[in-house]
Amino acid sequence: MATLLERTRAYLEDPKHWTKGEMFRDRFGSACKREDAVCACLLGAVAIAGKGMTNPDYRAARGALPDDVTVINDDPNTTHADVLALLDKVIAS
């Protein structure tokens, strides 16, 4: 699971890969499927790094994140740096 979260962090390292308000967005900024995404929210990035949401690694990574991770990600005051710091904290624990 730490490896999946590390891959998630590597994906989100580039601020262009992070978004709010939708799990995945395409190159036009519209909501889309994972396969068409150019950016994602934190949970979407876990799905991209894990190649889907049905594998056990995704579920374990999701379980390691705070229950309100979507609220945190989408909060207007949350920054890209905040999301990376949250991932760093979870990876280190």
Protein backbone atom coordinates (compact mmCIF):
# COMPACT_ATOMS: atom_id res chain seq x y z
CA MET A 1 0.00 0.00 0.00
CA ALA A 2 2.81 2.46 0.79
CA THR A 3 4.05 1.92 -2.75
CA LEU A 4 0.64 2.83 -4.15
CA LEU A 5 0.53 5.98 -2.04
CA GLU A 6 4.08 6.82 -3.14
CA ARG A 7 3.00 6.44 -6.78
CA THR A 8 -0.02 8.61 -6.01
CA ARG A 9 2.25 11.28 -4.56
CA ALA A 10 4.57 11.09 -7.56
CA TYR A 11 1.57 11.58 -9.87
CA LEU A 12 0.29 14.55 -7.86
CA GLU A 13 3.74 16.13 -7.58
CA ASP A 14 2.87 18.10 -10.71
CA PRO A 15 0.12 20.58 -9.72
CA LYS A 16 -1.43 20.18 -13.19
CA HIS A 17 -2.38 16.61 -12.17
CA TRP A 18 -4.49 17.73 -9.18
CA THR A 19 -8.08 18.99 -9.20
CA LYS A 20 -11.03 19.68 -6.93
CA GLY A 21 -14.73 19.02 -7.34
CA GLU A 22 -14.51 15.97 -9.59
CA MET A 23 -12.72 12.66 -9.26
CA PHE A 24 -11.24 12.94 -12.76
CA ARG A 25 -11.04 15.70 -15.37
CA ASP A 26 -10.13 15.51 -19.04
CA ARG A 27 -7.98 17.98 -20.99
CA PHE A 28 -10.98 20.28 -21.34
CA GLY A 29 -11.59 20.39 -17.56
CA SER A 30 -14.74 18.29 -17.77
CA ALA A 31 -15.56 15.33 -15.56
CA CYS A 32 -14.50 12.09 -17.21
CA LYS A 33 -13.57 8.44 -16.72
CA ARG A 34 -10.21 7.48 -15.25
CA GLU A 35 -8.94 6.38 -18.65
CA ASP A 36 -9.43 9.88 -20.10
CA ALA A 37 -8.15 11.85 -17.11
CA VAL A 38 -5.31 14.33 -17.21
CA CYS A 39 -5.86 15.30 -13.57
CA ALA A 40 -7.61 13.93 -10.51
CA CYS A 41 -8.57 14.63 -6.94
CA LEU A 42 -6.58 12.80 -4.26
CA LEU A 43 -8.80 9.69 -4.38
CA GLY A 44 -8.83 9.78 -8.16
CA ALA A 45 -5.04 9.92 -8.15
CA VAL A 46 -4.99 6.80 -5.96
CA ALA A 47 -7.20 5.11 -8.55
CA ILE A 48 -4.92 6.23 -11.38
CA ALA A 49 -1.80 5.05 -9.55
CA GLY A 50 -3.50 1.76 -8.68
CA LYS A 51 -5.03 1.27 -12.13
CA GLY A 52 -8.57 1.17 -10.78
CA MET A 53 -10.72 1.21 -7.67
CA THR A 54 -11.49 -2.48 -7.36
CA ASN A 55 -8.11 -3.88 -6.37
CA PRO A 56 -7.20 -4.52 -2.72
CA ASP A 57 -4.35 -2.00 -2.83
CA TYR A 58 -6.81 0.80 -3.64
CA ARG A 59 -9.06 -0.22 -0.75
CA ALA A 60 -6.08 -0.39 1.64
CA ALA A 61 -4.79 3.01 0.50
CA ARG A 62 -8.29 4.48 0.83
CA GLY A 63 -8.48 3.07 4.34
CA ALA A 64 -5.19 4.73 5.28
CA LEU A 65 -6.46 8.17 4.26
CA PRO A 66 -8.76 10.25 6.50
CA ASP A 67 -12.46 9.41 6.21
CA ASP A 68 -13.16 12.97 5.07
CA VAL A 69 -10.43 13.02 2.40
CA THR A 70 -12.87 14.20 -0.27
CA VAL A 71 -14.01 17.10 1.91
CA ILE A 72 -10.38 17.97 2.63
CA ASN A 73 -9.43 17.80 -1.06
CA ASP A 74 -12.38 19.92 -2.18
CA ASP A 75 -12.22 22.52 0.59
CA PRO A 76 -11.66 25.97 -0.98
CA ASN A 77 -8.78 26.57 1.45
CA THR A 78 -6.94 23.33 0.63
CA THR A 79 -3.86 23.85 -1.50
CA HIS A 80 -1.82 21.50 -3.63
CA ALA A 81 0.88 21.65 -0.94
CA ASP A 82 -1.70 20.57 1.68
CA VAL A 83 -2.59 17.48 -0.35
CA LEU A 84 1.08 16.53 -0.75
CA ALA A 85 1.65 17.07 2.97
CA LEU A 86 -1.30 14.84 3.80
CA LEU A 87 0.11 12.11 1.56
CA ASP A 88 3.55 12.51 3.15
CA LYS A 89 2.02 12.12 6.61
CA VAL A 90 0.10 8.97 5.65
CA ILE A 91 3.09 7.44 3.84
CA ALA A 92 5.32 8.08 6.88
CA SER A 93 2.88 6.48 9.33
